[in-house]
């Protein structure tokens, strides 16, 4: 398949997703149009698209985490599921949310969830 089979919207979406997954401008500067096209074609696969969406969801959750987010039960459940399913490590979640592993464990217990990891 070639880039001619892609719509401009698909190509633009692939560029946006890639830039969100790889925020380093130095890396983005070396990406060719054909690389975006290849990525766009892979995003047509529902399994690939679902995996990318899940990854972006976790990245967005972790990068936007605030003390107020910790009060939102749905956000805590999403974080719990990401760790429990192996989509995110407990250490990464703790570091990105500004908590210790023990504080993360306490967050889950406070919300009535078992810690998805052992200390």
PDB file of N, CA and C in Angstrom:
ATOM      1  N   UNK A   1       0.833  -1.179   0.000  1.00  0.00           N
ATOM      2  CA  UNK A   1       0.000   0.000   0.000  1.00  0.00           C
ATOM      3  C   UNK A   1       0.879   1.244   0.000  1.00  0.00           C
ATOM      4  N   UNK A   2       0.374   2.262  -0.584  1.00  0.00           N
ATOM      5  CA  UNK A   2       1.125   3.506  -0.649  1.00  0.00           C
ATOM      6  C   UNK A   2       0.358   4.603   0.086  1.00  0.00           C
ATOM      7  N   UNK A   3       1.006   5.757   0.211  1.00  0.00           N
ATOM      8  CA  UNK A   3       0.352   6.880   0.864  1.00  0.00           C
ATOM      9  C   UNK A   3      -0.866   7.349   0.086  1.00  0.00           C
ATOM     10  N   UNK A   4      -0.943   7.016  -1.209  1.00  0.00           N
ATOM     11  CA  UNK A   4      -2.085   7.438  -2.022  1.00  0.00           C
ATOM     12  C   UNK A   4      -3.381   6.806  -1.526  1.00  0.00           C
ATOM     13  N   UNK A   5      -3.296   5.680  -0.821  1.00  0.00           N
ATOM     14  CA  UNK A   5      -4.493   5.024  -0.320  1.00  0.00           C
ATOM     15  C   UNK A   5      -4.971   5.639   0.994  1.00  0.00           C
ATOM     16  N   UNK A   6      -4.207   6.559   1.549  1.00  0.00           N
ATOM     17  CA  UNK A   6      -4.566   7.206   2.805  1.00  0.00           C
ATOM     18  C   UNK A   6      -5.317   8.507   2.558  1.00  0.00           C
ATOM     19  N   UNK A   7      -6.249   8.788   3.428  1.00  0.00           N
ATOM     20  CA  UNK A   7      -6.907  10.087   3.363  1.00  0.00           C
ATOM     21  C   UNK A   7      -6.026  11.103   4.094  1.00  0.00           C
ATOM     22  N   UNK A   8      -6.141  12.369   3.769  1.00  0.00           N
ATOM     23  CA  UNK A   8      -5.379  13.382   4.501  1.00  0.00           C
ATOM     24  C   UNK A   8      -5.679  13.353   6.001  1.00  0.00           C
ATOM     25  N   UNK A   9      -6.916  13.035   6.351  1.00  0.00           N
ATOM     26  CA  UNK A   9      -7.291  12.966   7.768  1.00  0.00           C
ATOM     27  C   UNK A   9      -6.551  11.831   8.476  1.00  0.00           C
ATOM     28  N   UNK A  10      -6.405  10.675   7.800  1.00  0.00           N
ATOM     29  CA  UNK A  10      -5.679   9.552   8.396  1.00  0.00           C
ATOM     30  C   UNK A  10      -4.205   9.908   8.615  1.00  0.00           C
ATOM     31  N   UNK A  11      -3.619  10.560   7.631  1.00  0.00           N
ATOM     32  CA  UNK A  11      -2.215  10.950   7.747  1.00  0.00           C
ATOM     33  C   UNK A  11      -2.026  11.975   8.868  1.00  0.00           C
ATOM     34  N   UNK A  12      -2.914  12.941   8.954  1.00  0.00           N
ATOM     35  CA  UNK A  12      -2.833  13.959  10.007  1.00  0.00           C
ATOM     36  C   UNK A  12      -3.027  13.333  11.386  1.00  0.00           C
ATOM     37  N   UNK A  13      -3.953  12.396  11.482  1.00  0.00           N
ATOM     38  CA  UNK A  13      -4.190  11.696  12.750  1.00  0.00           C
ATOM     39  C   UNK A  13      -2.926  10.925  13.162  1.00  0.00           C
ATOM     40  N   UNK A  14      -2.308  10.245  12.218  1.00  0.00           N
ATOM     41  CA  UNK A  14      -1.085   9.485  12.515  1.00  0.00           C
ATOM     42  C   UNK A  14       0.024  10.415  13.017  1.00  0.00           C
ATOM     43  N   UNK A  15       0.156  11.576  12.392  1.00  0.00           N
ATOM     44  CA  UNK A  15       1.169  12.552  12.829  1.00  0.00           C
ATOM     45  C   UNK A  15       0.881  13.021  14.254  1.00  0.00           C
ATOM     46  N   UNK A  16      -0.377  13.336  14.538  1.00  0.00           N
ATOM     47  CA  UNK A  16      -0.745  13.809  15.872  1.00  0.00           C
ATOM     48  C   UNK A  16      -0.505  12.745  16.939  1.00  0.00           C
ATOM     49  N   UNK A  17      -0.889  11.511  16.640  1.00  0.00           N
ATOM     50  CA  UNK A  17      -0.700  10.414  17.591  1.00  0.00           C
ATOM     51  C   UNK A  17       0.786  10.171  17.817  1.00  0.00           C
ATOM     52  N   UNK A  18       1.556  10.136  16.733  1.00  0.00           N
ATOM     53  CA  UNK A  18       2.991   9.908  16.870  1.00  0.00           C
ATOM     54  C   UNK A  18       3.630  10.995  17.728  1.00  0.00           C
ATOM     55  N   UNK A  19       3.257  12.243  17.495  1.00  0.00           N
ATOM     56  CA  UNK A  19       3.838  13.357  18.258  1.00  0.00           C
ATOM     57  C   UNK A  19       3.456  13.289  19.729  1.00  0.00           C
ATOM     58  N   UNK A  20       2.267  12.790  20.013  1.00  0.00           N
ATOM     59  CA  UNK A  20       1.867  12.651  21.416  1.00  0.00           C
ATOM     60  C   UNK A  20       2.603  11.493  22.087  1.00  0.00           C
ATOM     61  N   UNK A  21       2.830  10.420  21.327  1.00  0.00           N
ATOM     62  CA  UNK A  21       3.565   9.281  21.872  1.00  0.00           C
ATOM     63  C   UNK A  21       5.054   9.573  22.000  1.00  0.00           C
ATOM     64  N   UNK A  22       5.573  10.429  21.122  1.00  0.00           N
ATOM     65  CA  UNK A  22       6.995  10.752  21.084  1.00  0.00           C
ATOM     66  C   UNK A  22       7.140  12.273  21.121  1.00  0.00           C
ATOM     67  N   UNK A  23       7.066  12.870  22.326  1.00  0.00           N
ATOM     68  CA  UNK A  23       7.060  14.332  22.408  1.00  0.00           C
ATOM     69  C   UNK A  23       8.415  15.011  22.190  1.00  0.00           C
ATOM     70  N   UNK A  24       9.471  14.247  21.996  1.00  0.00           N
ATOM     71  CA  UNK A  24      10.803  14.823  21.817  1.00  0.00           C
ATOM     72  C   UNK A  24      10.942  15.414  20.407  1.00  0.00           C
ATOM     73  N   UNK A  25      11.097  16.742  20.291  1.00  0.00           N
ATOM     74  CA  UNK A  25      11.216  17.378  18.969  1.00  0.00           C
ATOM     75  C   UNK A  25      12.419  16.881  18.165  1.00  0.00           C
ATOM     76  N   UNK A  26      13.478  16.481  18.855  1.00  0.00           N
ATOM     77  CA  UNK A  26      14.659  15.981  18.144  1.00  0.00           C
ATOM     78  C   UNK A  26      14.341  14.695  17.393  1.00  0.00           C
ATOM     79  N   UNK A  27      13.515  13.866  17.982  1.00  0.00           N
ATOM     80  CA  UNK A  27      13.113  12.622  17.309  1.00  0.00           C
ATOM     81  C   UNK A  27      12.130  12.943  16.193  1.00  0.00           C
ATOM     82  N   UNK A  28      11.170  13.812  16.476  1.00  0.00           N
ATOM     83  CA  UNK A  28      10.159  14.166  15.473  1.00  0.00           C
ATOM     84  C   UNK A  28      10.787  14.765  14.218  1.00  0.00           C
ATOM     85  N   UNK A  29      11.894  15.473  14.372  1.00  0.00           N
ATOM     86  CA  UNK A  29      12.546  16.129  13.236  1.00  0.00           C
ATOM     87  C   UNK A  29      13.084  15.122  12.227  1.00  0.00           C
ATOM     88  N   UNK A  30      13.344  13.894  12.664  1.00  0.00           N
ATOM     89  CA  UNK A  30      13.925  12.884  11.776  1.00  0.00           C
ATOM     90  C   UNK A  30      12.889  11.944  11.164  1.00  0.00           C
ATOM     91  N   UNK A  31      11.630  12.165  11.471  1.00  0.00           N
ATOM     92  CA  UNK A  31      10.583  11.301  10.940  1.00  0.00           C
ATOM     93  C   UNK A  31      10.176  11.786   9.554  1.00  0.00           C
ATOM     94  N   UNK A  32      10.177  10.854   8.611  1.00  0.00           N
ATOM     95  CA  UNK A  32       9.826  11.186   7.230  1.00  0.00           C
ATOM     96  C   UNK A  32       8.319  11.015   7.007  1.00  0.00           C
ATOM     97  N   UNK A  33       7.838  11.636   5.971  1.00  0.00           N
ATOM     98  CA  UNK A  33       6.419  11.530   5.617  1.00  0.00           C
ATOM     99  C   UNK A  33       6.032  10.070   5.400  1.00  0.00           C
ATOM    100  N   UNK A  34       6.928   9.291   4.821  1.00  0.00           N
ATOM    101  CA  UNK A  34       6.622   7.872   4.581  1.00  0.00           C
ATOM    102  C   UNK A  34       6.492   7.096   5.891  1.00  0.00           C
ATOM    103  N   UNK A  35       7.222   7.527   6.940  1.00  0.00           N
ATOM    104  CA  UNK A  35       7.095   6.877   8.244  1.00  0.00           C
ATOM    105  C   UNK A  35       5.706   7.123   8.834  1.00  0.00           C
ATOM    106  N   UNK A  36       5.222   8.361   8.686  1.00  0.00           N
ATOM    107  CA  UNK A  36       3.870   8.668   9.151  1.00  0.00           C
ATOM    108  C   UNK A  36       2.845   7.855   8.368  1.00  0.00           C
ATOM    109  N   UNK A  37       3.076   7.705   7.071  1.00  0.00           N
ATOM    110  CA  UNK A  37       2.156   6.941   6.234  1.00  0.00           C
ATOM    111  C   UNK A  37       2.115   5.478   6.681  1.00  0.00           C
ATOM    112  N   UNK A  38       3.277   4.912   6.965  1.00  0.00           N
ATOM    113  CA  UNK A  38       3.333   3.530   7.442  1.00  0.00           C
ATOM    114  C   UNK A  38       2.591   3.397   8.763  1.00  0.00           C
ATOM    115  N   UNK A  39       2.806   4.343   9.657  1.00  0.00           N
ATOM    116  CA  UNK A  39       2.128   4.341  10.944  1.00  0.00           C
ATOM    117  C   UNK A  39       0.616   4.471  10.755  1.00  0.00           C
ATOM    118  N   UNK A  40       0.205   5.315   9.852  1.00  0.00           N
ATOM    119  CA  UNK A  40      -1.231   5.494   9.577  1.00  0.00           C
ATOM    120  C   UNK A  40      -1.857   4.204   9.074  1.00  0.00           C
ATOM    121  N   UNK A  41      -1.153   3.488   8.218  1.00  0.00           N
ATOM    122  CA  UNK A  41      -1.663   2.220   7.717  1.00  0.00           C
ATOM    123  C   UNK A  41      -1.785   1.199   8.843  1.00  0.00           C
ATOM    124  N   UNK A  42      -0.830   1.201   9.766  1.00  0.00           N
ATOM    125  CA  UNK A  42      -0.900   0.273  10.899  1.00  0.00           C
ATOM    126  C   UNK A  42      -2.064   0.625  11.821  1.00  0.00           C
ATOM    127  N   UNK A  43      -2.373   1.915  11.928  1.00  0.00           N
ATOM    128  CA  UNK A  43      -3.484   2.333  12.778  1.00  0.00           C
ATOM    129  C   UNK A  43      -4.838   1.876  12.240  1.00  0.00           C
ATOM    130  N   UNK A  44      -4.882   1.441  10.998  1.00  0.00           N
ATOM    131  CA  UNK A  44      -6.127   0.905  10.436  1.00  0.00           C
ATOM    132  C   UNK A  44      -6.489  -0.439  11.072  1.00  0.00           C
ATOM    133  N   UNK A  45      -5.488  -1.149  11.588  1.00  0.00           N
ATOM    134  CA  UNK A  45      -5.737  -2.423  12.260  1.00  0.00           C
ATOM    135  C   UNK A  45      -6.417  -2.118  13.598  1.00  0.00           C
ATOM    136  N   UNK A  46      -7.614  -2.642  13.841  1.00  0.00           N
ATOM    137  CA  UNK A  46      -8.330  -2.332  15.078  1.00  0.00           C
ATOM    138  C   UNK A  46      -7.552  -2.685  16.350  1.00  0.00           C
ATOM    139  N   UNK A  47      -6.786  -3.774  16.310  1.00  0.00           N
ATOM    140  CA  UNK A  47      -6.013  -4.161  17.495  1.00  0.00           C
ATOM    141  C   UNK A  47      -4.894  -3.149  17.762  1.00  0.00           C
ATOM    142  N   UNK A  48      -4.234  -2.698  16.719  1.00  0.00           N
ATOM    143  CA  UNK A  48      -3.180  -1.690  16.871  1.00  0.00           C
ATOM    144  C   UNK A  48      -3.784  -0.380  17.362  1.00  0.00           C
ATOM    145  N   UNK A  49      -4.887   0.014  16.746  1.00  0.00           N
ATOM    146  CA  UNK A  49      -5.545   1.261  17.144  1.00  0.00           C
ATOM    147  C   UNK A  49      -5.990   1.206  18.608  1.00  0.00           C
ATOM    148  N   UNK A  50      -6.526   0.063  19.033  1.00  0.00           N
ATOM    149  CA  UNK A  50      -6.971  -0.075  20.423  1.00  0.00           C
ATOM    150  C   UNK A  50      -5.783   0.011  21.379  1.00  0.00           C
ATOM    151  N   UNK A  51      -4.678  -0.611  21.022  1.00  0.00           N
ATOM    152  CA  UNK A  51      -3.475  -0.544  21.857  1.00  0.00           C
ATOM    153  C   UNK A  51      -2.919   0.864  21.955  1.00  0.00           C
ATOM    154  N   UNK A  52      -2.905   1.573  20.839  1.00  0.00           N
ATOM    155  CA  UNK A  52      -2.428   2.953  20.824  1.00  0.00           C
ATOM    156  C   UNK A  52      -3.356   3.836  21.653  1.00  0.00           C
ATOM    157  N   UNK A  53      -4.666   3.640  21.502  1.00  0.00           N
ATOM    158  CA  UNK A  53      -5.629   4.427  22.283  1.00  0.00           C
ATOM    159  C   UNK A  53      -5.457   4.187  23.775  1.00  0.00           C
ATOM    160  N   UNK A  54      -5.249   2.930  24.155  1.00  0.00           N
ATOM    161  CA  UNK A  54      -5.040   2.592  25.569  1.00  0.00           C
ATOM    162  C   UNK A  54      -3.774   3.255  26.093  1.00  0.00           C
ATOM    163  N   UNK A  55      -2.709   3.204  25.309  1.00  0.00           N
ATOM    164  CA  UNK A  55      -1.443   3.823  25.714  1.00  0.00           C
ATOM    165  C   UNK A  55      -1.602   5.333  25.871  1.00  0.00           C
ATOM    166  N   UNK A  56      -2.263   5.966  24.915  1.00  0.00           N
ATOM    167  CA  UNK A  56      -2.490   7.410  25.007  1.00  0.00           C
ATOM    168  C   UNK A  56      -3.350   7.762  26.220  1.00  0.00           C
ATOM    169  N   UNK A  57      -4.326   6.940  26.510  1.00  0.00           N
ATOM    170  CA  UNK A  57      -5.192   7.174  27.668  1.00  0.00           C
ATOM    171  C   UNK A  57      -4.380   7.142  28.960  1.00  0.00           C
ATOM    172  N   UNK A  58      -3.475   6.187  29.063  1.00  0.00           N
ATOM    173  CA  UNK A  58      -2.629   6.081  30.262  1.00  0.00           C
ATOM    174  C   UNK A  58      -1.675   7.263  30.341  1.00  0.00           C
ATOM    175  N   UNK A  59      -1.070   7.625  29.212  1.00  0.00           N
ATOM    176  CA  UNK A  59      -0.157   8.775  29.195  1.00  0.00           C
ATOM    177  C   UNK A  59      -0.894  10.033  29.624  1.00  0.00           C
ATOM    178  N   UNK A  60      -2.086  10.236  29.082  1.00  0.00           N
ATOM    179  CA  UNK A  60      -2.861  11.430  29.430  1.00  0.00           C
ATOM    180  C   UNK A  60      -3.254  11.433  30.904  1.00  0.00           C
ATOM    181  N   UNK A  61      -3.634  10.276  31.424  1.00  0.00           N
ATOM    182  CA  UNK A  61      -4.002  10.179  32.833  1.00  0.00           C
ATOM    183  C   UNK A  61      -2.815  10.518  33.725  1.00  0.00           C
ATOM    184  N   UNK A  62      -1.662   9.947  33.427  1.00  0.00           N
ATOM    185  CA  UNK A  62      -0.483  10.161  34.267  1.00  0.00           C
ATOM    186  C   UNK A  62       0.052  11.584  34.168  1.00  0.00           C
ATOM    187  N   UNK A  63       0.031  12.162  32.972  1.00  0.00           N
ATOM    188  CA  UNK A  63       0.590  13.507  32.812  1.00  0.00           C
ATOM    189  C   UNK A  63      -0.343  14.595  33.333  1.00  0.00           C
ATOM    190  N   UNK A  64      -1.615  14.272  33.480  1.00  0.00           N
ATOM    191  CA  UNK A  64      -2.551  15.280  33.979  1.00  0.00           C
ATOM    192  C   UNK A  64      -2.928  15.054  35.443  1.00  0.00           C
ATOM    193  N   UNK A  65      -2.266  14.106  36.103  1.00  0.00           N
ATOM    194  CA  UNK A  65      -2.617  13.748  37.480  1.00  0.00           C
ATOM    195  C   UNK A  65      -2.344  14.912  38.426  1.00  0.00           C
ATOM    196  N   UNK A  66      -3.317  15.207  39.257  1.00  0.00           N
ATOM    197  CA  UNK A  66      -3.193  16.239  40.288  1.00  0.00           C
ATOM    198  C   UNK A  66      -3.776  15.671  41.580  1.00  0.00           C
ATOM    199  N   UNK A  67      -3.571  16.347  42.698  1.00  0.00           N
ATOM    200  CA  UNK A  67      -4.211  15.872  43.932  1.00  0.00           C
ATOM    201  C   UNK A  67      -5.738  15.764  43.775  1.00  0.00           C
ATOM    202  N   UNK A  68      -6.329  16.646  42.976  1.00  0.00           N
ATOM    203  CA  UNK A  68      -7.779  16.575  42.745  1.00  0.00           C
ATOM    204  C   UNK A  68      -8.153  15.305  41.978  1.00  0.00           C
ATOM    205  N   UNK A  69      -7.278  14.868  41.068  1.00  0.00           N
ATOM    206  CA  UNK A  69      -7.538  13.647  40.306  1.00  0.00           C
ATOM    207  C   UNK A  69      -7.602  12.454  41.240  1.00  0.00           C
ATOM    208  N   UNK A  70      -6.785  12.477  42.283  1.00  0.00           N
ATOM    209  CA  UNK A  70      -6.757  11.372  43.245  1.00  0.00           C
ATOM    210  C   UNK A  70      -8.095  11.252  43.982  1.00  0.00           C
ATOM    211  N   UNK A  71      -8.895  12.310  43.979  1.00  0.00           N
ATOM    212  CA  UNK A  71     -10.209  12.282  44.622  1.00  0.00           C
ATOM    213  C   UNK A  71     -11.291  11.735  43.679  1.00  0.00           C
ATOM    214  N   UNK A  72     -10.952  11.589  42.410  1.00  0.00           N
ATOM    215  CA  UNK A  72     -11.906  11.114  41.409  1.00  0.00           C
ATOM    216  C   UNK A  72     -11.826   9.587  41.330  1.00  0.00           C
ATOM    217  N   UNK A  73     -12.881   8.927  41.783  1.00  0.00           N
ATOM    218  CA  UNK A  73     -12.891   7.464  41.848  1.00  0.00           C
ATOM    219  C   UNK A  73     -12.626   6.824  40.480  1.00  0.00           C
ATOM    220  N   UNK A  74     -13.238   7.355  39.426  1.00  0.00           N
ATOM    221  CA  UNK A  74     -13.051   6.776  38.086  1.00  0.00           C
ATOM    222  C   UNK A  74     -11.592   6.837  37.641  1.00  0.00           C
ATOM    223  N   UNK A  75     -10.911   7.934  37.966  1.00  0.00           N
ATOM    224  CA  UNK A  75      -9.491   8.053  37.600  1.00  0.00           C
ATOM    225  C   UNK A  75      -8.647   7.059  38.388  1.00  0.00           C
ATOM    226  N   UNK A  76      -8.979   6.871  39.643  1.00  0.00           N
ATOM    227  CA  UNK A  76      -8.245   5.904  40.468  1.00  0.00           C
ATOM    228  C   UNK A  76      -8.460   4.491  39.928  1.00  0.00           C
ATOM    229  N   UNK A  77      -9.686   4.188  39.522  1.00  0.00           N
ATOM    230  CA  UNK A  77      -9.972   2.868  38.950  1.00  0.00           C
ATOM    231  C   UNK A  77      -9.207   2.671  37.641  1.00  0.00           C
ATOM    232  N   UNK A  78      -9.150   3.702  36.804  1.00  0.00           N
ATOM    233  CA  UNK A  78      -8.388   3.602  35.540  1.00  0.00           C
ATOM    234  C   UNK A  78      -6.910   3.341  35.812  1.00  0.00           C
ATOM    235  N   UNK A  79      -6.359   4.045  36.802  1.00  0.00           N
ATOM    236  CA  UNK A  79      -4.957   3.840  37.156  1.00  0.00           C
ATOM    237  C   UNK A  79      -4.747   2.433  37.706  1.00  0.00           C
ATOM    238  N   UNK A  80      -5.659   1.975  38.545  1.00  0.00           N
ATOM    239  CA  UNK A  80      -5.590   0.626  39.107  1.00  0.00           C
ATOM    240  C   UNK A  80      -5.591  -0.412  37.991  1.00  0.00           C
ATOM    241  N   UNK A  81      -6.512  -0.239  37.039  1.00  0.00           N
ATOM    242  CA  UNK A  81      -6.610  -1.202  35.937  1.00  0.00           C
ATOM    243  C   UNK A  81      -5.354  -1.201  35.075  1.00  0.00           C
ATOM    244  N   UNK A  82      -4.790  -0.019  34.825  1.00  0.00           N
ATOM    245  CA  UNK A  82      -3.573   0.070  34.013  1.00  0.00           C
ATOM    246  C   UNK A  82      -2.428  -0.702  34.660  1.00  0.00           C
ATOM    247  N   UNK A  83      -2.310  -0.589  35.971  1.00  0.00           N
ATOM    248  CA  UNK A  83      -1.253  -1.323  36.682  1.00  0.00           C
ATOM    249  C   UNK A  83      -1.577  -2.808  36.721  1.00  0.00           C
ATOM    250  N   UNK A  84      -2.827  -3.125  37.057  1.00  0.00           N
ATOM    251  CA  UNK A  84      -3.249  -4.516  37.199  1.00  0.00           C
ATOM    252  C   UNK A  84      -3.105  -5.301  35.897  1.00  0.00           C
ATOM    253  N   UNK A  85      -3.387  -4.652  34.774  1.00  0.00           N
ATOM    254  CA  UNK A  85      -3.296  -5.325  33.470  1.00  0.00           C
ATOM    255  C   UNK A  85      -1.880  -5.315  32.890  1.00  0.00           C
ATOM    256  N   UNK A  86      -0.961  -4.644  33.575  1.00  0.00           N
ATOM    257  CA  UNK A  86       0.419  -4.608  33.093  1.00  0.00           C
ATOM    258  C   UNK A  86       0.670  -3.559  32.034  1.00  0.00           C
ATOM    259  N   UNK A  87      -0.279  -2.636  31.850  1.00  0.00           N
ATOM    260  CA  UNK A  87      -0.106  -1.577  30.852  1.00  0.00           C
ATOM    261  C   UNK A  87       0.808  -0.487  31.366  1.00  0.00           C
ATOM    262  N   UNK A  88       1.022  -0.458  32.670  1.00  0.00           N
ATOM    263  CA  UNK A  88       1.839   0.572  33.316  1.00  0.00           C
ATOM    264  C   UNK A  88       2.407  -0.050  34.588  1.00  0.00           C
ATOM    265  N   UNK A  89       3.654   0.205  34.893  1.00  0.00           N
ATOM    266  CA  UNK A  89       4.221  -0.342  36.122  1.00  0.00           C
ATOM    267  C   UNK A  89       3.814   0.527  37.311  1.00  0.00           C
ATOM    268  N   UNK A  90       3.816  -0.081  38.486  1.00  0.00           N
ATOM    269  CA  UNK A  90       3.476   0.661  39.705  1.00  0.00           C
ATOM    270  C   UNK A  90       4.509   1.757  39.962  1.00  0.00           C
ATOM    271  N   UNK A  91       5.762   1.478  39.685  1.00  0.00           N
ATOM    272  CA  UNK A  91       6.809   2.487  39.891  1.00  0.00           C
ATOM    273  C   UNK A  91       6.613   3.696  38.973  1.00  0.00           C
ATOM    274  N   UNK A  92       6.305   3.428  37.711  1.00  0.00           N
ATOM    275  CA  UNK A  92       6.065   4.528  36.778  1.00  0.00           C
ATOM    276  C   UNK A  92       4.841   5.337  37.220  1.00  0.00           C
ATOM    277  N   UNK A  93       3.780   4.645  37.597  1.00  0.00           N
ATOM    278  CA  UNK A  93       2.567   5.339  38.042  1.00  0.00           C
ATOM    279  C   UNK A  93       2.856   6.202  39.263  1.00  0.00           C
ATOM    280  N   UNK A  94       3.600   5.659  40.211  1.00  0.00           N
ATOM    281  CA  UNK A  94       3.930   6.427  41.414  1.00  0.00           C
ATOM    282  C   UNK A  94       4.771   7.648  41.058  1.00  0.00           C
ATOM    283  N   UNK A  95       5.777   7.453  40.220  1.00  0.00           N
ATOM    284  CA  UNK A  95       6.666   8.561  39.847  1.00  0.00           C
ATOM    285  C   UNK A  95       5.904   9.659  39.099  1.00  0.00           C
ATOM    286  N   UNK A  96       5.083   9.267  38.132  1.00  0.00           N
ATOM    287  CA  UNK A  96       4.363  10.254  37.317  1.00  0.00           C
ATOM    288  C   UNK A  96       3.266  10.971  38.092  1.00  0.00           C
ATOM    289  N   UNK A  97       2.715  10.320  39.115  1.00  0.00           N
ATOM    290  CA  UNK A  97       1.666  10.953  39.912  1.00  0.00           C
ATOM    291  C   UNK A  97       2.230  11.704  41.114  1.00  0.00           C
ATOM    292  N   UNK A  98       3.545  11.616  41.312  1.00  0.00           N
ATOM    293  CA  UNK A  98       4.184  12.326  42.414  1.00  0.00           C
ATOM    294  C   UNK A  98       3.971  11.671  43.763  1.00  0.00           C
ATOM    295  N   UNK A  99       3.671  10.385  43.755  1.00  0.00           N
ATOM    296  CA  UNK A  99       3.453   9.657  45.011  1.00  0.00           C
ATOM    297  C   UNK A  99       4.541   8.619  45.206  1.00  0.00           C
ATOM    298  N   UNK A 100       4.631   8.134  46.421  1.00  0.00           N
ATOM    299  CA  UNK A 100       5.494   6.984  46.697  1.00  0.00           C
ATOM    300  C   UNK A 100       4.672   5.726  46.406  1.00  0.00           C
ATOM    301  N   UNK A 101       5.339   4.599  46.351  1.00  0.00           N
ATOM    302  CA  UNK A 101       4.633   3.324  46.154  1.00  0.00           C
ATOM    303  C   UNK A 101       3.643   3.099  47.296  1.00  0.00           C
ATOM    304  N   UNK A 102       4.069   3.431  48.522  1.00  0.00           N
ATOM    305  CA  UNK A 102       3.187   3.247  49.686  1.00  0.00           C
ATOM    306  C   UNK A 102       1.962   4.163  49.598  1.00  0.00           C
ATOM    307  N   UNK A 103       2.160   5.406  49.152  1.00  0.00           N
ATOM    308  CA  UNK A 103       1.032   6.331  49.004  1.00  0.00           C
ATOM    309  C   UNK A 103       0.081   5.848  47.912  1.00  0.00           C
ATOM    310  N   UNK A 104       0.633   5.283  46.856  1.00  0.00           N
ATOM    311  CA  UNK A 104      -0.191   4.746  45.771  1.00  0.00           C
ATOM    312  C   UNK A 104      -1.022   3.572  46.288  1.00  0.00           C
ATOM    313  N   UNK A 105      -0.386   2.705  47.064  1.00  0.00           N
ATOM    314  CA  UNK A 105      -1.099   1.578  47.659  1.00  0.00           C
ATOM    315  C   UNK A 105      -2.234   2.085  48.563  1.00  0.00           C
ATOM    316  N   UNK A 106      -1.942   3.102  49.358  1.00  0.00           N
ATOM    317  CA  UNK A 106      -2.952   3.665  50.255  1.00  0.00           C
ATOM    318  C   UNK A 106      -4.102   4.301  49.470  1.00  0.00           C
ATOM    319  N   UNK A 107      -3.791   4.922  48.337  1.00  0.00           N
ATOM    320  CA  UNK A 107      -4.825   5.503  47.486  1.00  0.00           C
ATOM    321  C   UNK A 107      -5.826   4.439  47.053  1.00  0.00           C
ATOM    322  N   UNK A 108      -5.322   3.287  46.653  1.00  0.00           N
ATOM    323  CA  UNK A 108      -6.206   2.210  46.222  1.00  0.00           C
ATOM    324  C   UNK A 108      -7.032   1.673  47.391  1.00  0.00           C
ATOM    325  N   UNK A 109      -6.392   1.459  48.528  1.00  0.00           N
ATOM    326  CA  UNK A 109      -7.099   0.949  49.703  1.00  0.00           C
ATOM    327  C   UNK A 109      -8.195   1.924  50.137  1.00  0.00           C
ATOM    328  N   UNK A 110      -7.870   3.219  50.126  1.00  0.00           N
ATOM    329  CA  UNK A 110      -8.843   4.247  50.500  1.00  0.00           C
ATOM    330  C   UNK A 110     -10.067   4.212  49.596  1.00  0.00           C
ATOM    331  N   UNK A 111      -9.872   3.832  48.337  1.00  0.00           N
ATOM    332  CA  UNK A 111     -10.975   3.766  47.381  1.00  0.00           C
ATOM    333  C   UNK A 111     -11.592   2.374  47.295  1.00  0.00           C
ATOM    334  N   UNK A 112     -11.241   1.507  48.236  1.00  0.00           N
ATOM    335  CA  UNK A 112     -11.838   0.175  48.291  1.00  0.00           C
ATOM    336  C   UNK A 112     -11.334  -0.789  47.244  1.00  0.00           C
ATOM    337  N   UNK A 113     -10.133  -0.536  46.727  1.00  0.00           N
ATOM    338  CA  UNK A 113      -9.538  -1.410  45.709  1.00  0.00           C
ATOM    339  C   UNK A 113      -8.319  -2.102  46.293  1.00  0.00           C
ATOM    340  N   UNK A 114      -8.128  -3.375  45.978  1.00  0.00           N
ATOM    341  CA  UNK A 114      -6.901  -4.035  46.442  1.00  0.00           C
ATOM    342  C   UNK A 114      -5.711  -3.474  45.648  1.00  0.00           C
ATOM    343  N   UNK A 115      -4.577  -3.357  46.297  1.00  0.00           N
ATOM    344  CA  UNK A 115      -3.380  -2.882  45.588  1.00  0.00           C
ATOM    345  C   UNK A 115      -3.052  -3.889  44.485  1.00  0.00           C
ATOM    346  N   UNK A 116      -2.847  -3.423  43.245  1.00  0.00           N
ATOM    347  CA  UNK A 116      -2.542  -4.346  42.150  1.00  0.00           C
ATOM    348  C   UNK A 116      -1.069  -4.749  42.096  1.00  0.00           C
ATOM    349  N   UNK A 117      -0.382  -4.579  43.213  1.00  0.00           N
ATOM    350  CA  UNK A 117       1.033  -4.935  43.288  1.00  0.00           C
ATOM    351  C   UNK A 117       1.346  -5.276  44.739  1.00  0.00           C
ATOM    352  N   UNK A 118       2.460  -5.989  44.934  1.00  0.00           N
ATOM    353  CA  UNK A 118       2.903  -6.348  46.283  1.00  0.00           C
ATOM    354  C   UNK A 118       4.154  -5.575  46.613  1.00  0.00           C
ATOM    355  N   UNK A 119       4.250  -5.161  47.854  1.00  0.00           N
ATOM    356  CA  UNK A 119       5.454  -4.446  48.299  1.00  0.00           C
ATOM    357  C   UNK A 119       6.449  -5.427  48.873  1.00  0.00           C
TER     358      UNK A 119
END
